[in-house]
Amino acid sequence: MSAGLPPAAHVSIAISPLEYAWFLRAIGPDRKLPLSWQEWSVQLRHVDRFLMSMGGRVECVPVEYRGFMRYCADRSERPSHAALQAYALSLSTLGRS
C-alpha cells in the first residue's frame, strides 16, 4: 500500500444459496457471477481474505433478490453485476458514510 492512503474498504456480497439461482437468472452468467453458489462462495472468501491480509476492511452485506430487483426497477436499470455491487454498497455502512 502507498503511504498516506487508508486501507481499502470492500463490500462482500452475501447471497443466500436458496436465492443464488434467481440472481444468476436475472443477471446472466459471466466471469463475475459463477454458475454455482459454491463457486461464488469460494471466490468471495478468496477475495475477502486477500483484502484483509493487505490491511483492508471487508463488510459482509446480505442481499435479497426481491430488494435487488426493486432497486433495479426504481432506477430503470437492467440487473447486472455492477447494479448488484451498487445495491450492496447502498445497504452497507460504507455506502452511508
C-alpha atoms as a PDB file:
ATOM      1  CA  MET A   1       0.000   0.000   0.000  1.00  0.00           C
ATOM      2  CA  SER A   2       1.075   3.558  -0.601  1.00  0.00           C
ATOM      3  CA  ALA A   3       1.952   5.721   2.367  1.00  0.00           C
ATOM      4  CA  GLY A   4      -0.829   8.052   3.432  1.00  0.00           C
ATOM      5  CA  LEU A   5      -3.663   6.053   1.889  1.00  0.00           C
ATOM      6  CA  PRO A   6      -6.175   4.380   4.200  1.00  0.00           C
ATOM      7  CA  PRO A   7      -6.624   0.612   3.878  1.00  0.00           C
ATOM      8  CA  ALA A   8      -9.081  -0.349   1.166  1.00  0.00           C
ATOM      9  CA  ALA A   9     -12.689  -1.000   2.147  1.00  0.00           C
ATOM     10  CA  HIS A  10     -14.642  -3.674   0.313  1.00  0.00           C
ATOM     11  CA  VAL A  11     -18.284  -4.724   0.338  1.00  0.00           C
ATOM     12  CA  SER A  12     -18.593  -8.504   0.298  1.00  0.00           C
ATOM     13  CA  ILE A  13     -21.943  -9.507  -1.211  1.00  0.00           C
ATOM     14  CA  ALA A  14     -23.637 -12.351   0.687  1.00  0.00           C
ATOM     15  CA  ILE A  15     -26.253 -14.161  -1.398  1.00  0.00           C
ATOM     16  CA  SER A  16     -28.349 -16.941   0.094  1.00  0.00           C
ATOM     17  CA  PRO A  17     -27.718 -20.312  -1.545  1.00  0.00           C
ATOM     18  CA  LEU A  18     -31.503 -20.580  -1.941  1.00  0.00           C
ATOM     19  CA  GLU A  19     -31.675 -17.330  -3.952  1.00  0.00           C
ATOM     20  CA  TYR A  20     -28.458 -17.658  -5.948  1.00  0.00           C
ATOM     21  CA  ALA A  21     -30.171 -19.234  -8.975  1.00  0.00           C
ATOM     22  CA  TRP A  22     -32.586 -16.276  -9.122  1.00  0.00           C
ATOM     23  CA  PHE A  23     -29.701 -13.793  -9.187  1.00  0.00           C
ATOM     24  CA  LEU A  24     -27.930 -15.869 -11.825  1.00  0.00           C
ATOM     25  CA  ARG A  25     -31.046 -15.977 -13.992  1.00  0.00           C
ATOM     26  CA  ALA A  26     -31.622 -12.212 -13.642  1.00  0.00           C
ATOM     27  CA  ILE A  27     -28.007 -11.167 -14.230  1.00  0.00           C
ATOM     28  CA  GLY A  28     -26.897 -13.958 -16.531  1.00  0.00           C
ATOM     29  CA  PRO A  29     -23.682 -15.904 -16.217  1.00  0.00           C
ATOM     30  CA  ASP A  30     -20.445 -14.021 -16.623  1.00  0.00           C
ATOM     31  CA  ARG A  31     -16.966 -14.277 -15.193  1.00  0.00           C
ATOM     32  CA  LYS A  32     -18.048 -12.228 -12.181  1.00  0.00           C
ATOM     33  CA  LEU A  33     -21.041 -14.420 -11.321  1.00  0.00           C
ATOM     34  CA  PRO A  34     -20.097 -18.115 -11.380  1.00  0.00           C
ATOM     35  CA  LEU A  35     -22.626 -20.784 -12.316  1.00  0.00           C
ATOM     36  CA  SER A  36     -22.957 -22.152  -8.778  1.00  0.00           C
ATOM     37  CA  TRP A  37     -23.330 -20.690  -5.303  1.00  0.00           C
ATOM     38  CA  GLN A  38     -20.439 -22.886  -4.143  1.00  0.00           C
ATOM     39  CA  GLU A  39     -18.107 -21.297  -6.702  1.00  0.00           C
ATOM     40  CA  TRP A  40     -19.393 -17.841  -5.729  1.00  0.00           C
ATOM     41  CA  SER A  41     -18.747 -18.544  -2.060  1.00  0.00           C
ATOM     42  CA  VAL A  42     -15.185 -19.785  -2.655  1.00  0.00           C
ATOM     43  CA  GLN A  43     -14.382 -16.828  -4.918  1.00  0.00           C
ATOM     44  CA  LEU A  44     -15.774 -14.363  -2.369  1.00  0.00           C
ATOM     45  CA  ARG A  45     -13.841 -15.876   0.539  1.00  0.00           C
ATOM     46  CA  HIS A  46     -10.632 -15.763  -1.501  1.00  0.00           C
ATOM     47  CA  VAL A  47     -11.048 -12.067  -2.332  1.00  0.00           C
ATOM     48  CA  ASP A  48     -12.077 -11.191   1.240  1.00  0.00           C
ATOM     49  CA  ARG A  49      -9.062 -12.979   2.750  1.00  0.00           C
ATOM     50  CA  PHE A  50      -6.693 -11.333   0.307  1.00  0.00           C
ATOM     51  CA  LEU A  51      -8.019  -7.846   1.031  1.00  0.00           C
ATOM     52  CA  MET A  52      -7.910  -8.420   4.793  1.00  0.00           C
ATOM     53  CA  SER A  53      -4.318  -9.694   4.535  1.00  0.00           C
ATOM     54  CA  MET A  54      -3.436  -6.381   2.876  1.00  0.00           C
ATOM     55  CA  GLY A  55      -4.952  -4.454   5.802  1.00  0.00           C
ATOM     56  CA  GLY A  56      -8.257  -3.751   4.104  1.00  0.00           C
ATOM     57  CA  ARG A  57     -11.651  -3.700   5.729  1.00  0.00           C
ATOM     58  CA  VAL A  58     -14.366  -6.062   4.500  1.00  0.00           C
ATOM     59  CA  GLU A  59     -18.037  -5.574   5.256  1.00  0.00           C
ATOM     60  CA  CYS A  60     -20.274  -8.553   4.522  1.00  0.00           C
ATOM     61  CA  VAL A  61     -23.650  -7.335   3.250  1.00  0.00           C
ATOM     62  CA  PRO A  62     -26.541  -9.788   2.836  1.00  0.00           C
ATOM     63  CA  VAL A  63     -28.622  -9.047  -0.249  1.00  0.00           C
ATOM     64  CA  GLU A  64     -32.082 -10.339  -1.104  1.00  0.00           C
ATOM     65  CA  TYR A  65     -33.350 -10.979  -4.594  1.00  0.00           C
ATOM     66  CA  ARG A  66     -36.598  -9.011  -4.204  1.00  0.00           C
ATOM     67  CA  GLY A  67     -34.778  -5.996  -2.808  1.00  0.00           C
ATOM     68  CA  PHE A  68     -32.241  -6.129  -5.641  1.00  0.00           C
ATOM     69  CA  MET A  69     -34.936  -6.327  -8.308  1.00  0.00           C
ATOM     70  CA  ARG A  70     -36.801  -3.423  -6.680  1.00  0.00           C
ATOM     71  CA  TYR A  71     -33.521  -1.442  -6.594  1.00  0.00           C
ATOM     72  CA  CYS A  72     -33.038  -2.044 -10.335  1.00  0.00           C
ATOM     73  CA  ALA A  73     -36.668  -1.207 -11.192  1.00  0.00           C
ATOM     74  CA  ASP A  74     -36.567   2.027  -9.164  1.00  0.00           C
ATOM     75  CA  ARG A  75     -33.559   3.136 -11.215  1.00  0.00           C
ATOM     76  CA  SER A  76     -34.743   1.736 -14.556  1.00  0.00           C
ATOM     77  CA  GLU A  77     -31.600  -0.436 -14.643  1.00  0.00           C
ATOM     78  CA  ARG A  78     -31.173  -3.900 -16.020  1.00  0.00           C
ATOM     79  CA  PRO A  79     -29.965  -6.373 -13.392  1.00  0.00           C
ATOM     80  CA  SER A  80     -26.196  -6.665 -13.741  1.00  0.00           C
ATOM     81  CA  HIS A  81     -23.155  -7.389 -11.622  1.00  0.00           C
ATOM     82  CA  ALA A  82     -22.458  -3.635 -11.461  1.00  0.00           C
ATOM     83  CA  ALA A  83     -26.020  -2.984 -10.252  1.00  0.00           C
ATOM     84  CA  LEU A  84     -25.623  -5.756  -7.653  1.00  0.00           C
ATOM     85  CA  GLN A  85     -22.439  -4.121  -6.365  1.00  0.00           C
ATOM     86  CA  ALA A  86     -24.153  -0.713  -6.220  1.00  0.00           C
ATOM     87  CA  TYR A  87     -27.143  -2.223  -4.391  1.00  0.00           C
ATOM     88  CA  ALA A  88     -24.908  -3.919  -1.813  1.00  0.00           C
ATOM     89  CA  LEU A  89     -22.966  -0.693  -1.310  1.00  0.00           C
ATOM     90  CA  SER A  90     -26.235   1.181  -0.717  1.00  0.00           C
ATOM     91  CA  LEU A  91     -27.058  -1.287   2.084  1.00  0.00           C
ATOM     92  CA  SER A  92     -23.613  -1.111   3.687  1.00  0.00           C
ATOM     93  CA  THR A  93     -22.234   1.295   6.231  1.00  0.00           C
ATOM     94  CA  LEU A  94     -19.664   2.232   3.570  1.00  0.00           C
ATOM     95  CA  GLY A  95     -22.471   3.499   1.335  1.00  0.00           C
ATOM     96  CA  ARG A  96     -23.845   5.641   4.144  1.00  0.00           C
ATOM     97  CA  SER A  97     -20.600   7.377   5.033  1.00  0.00           C
END
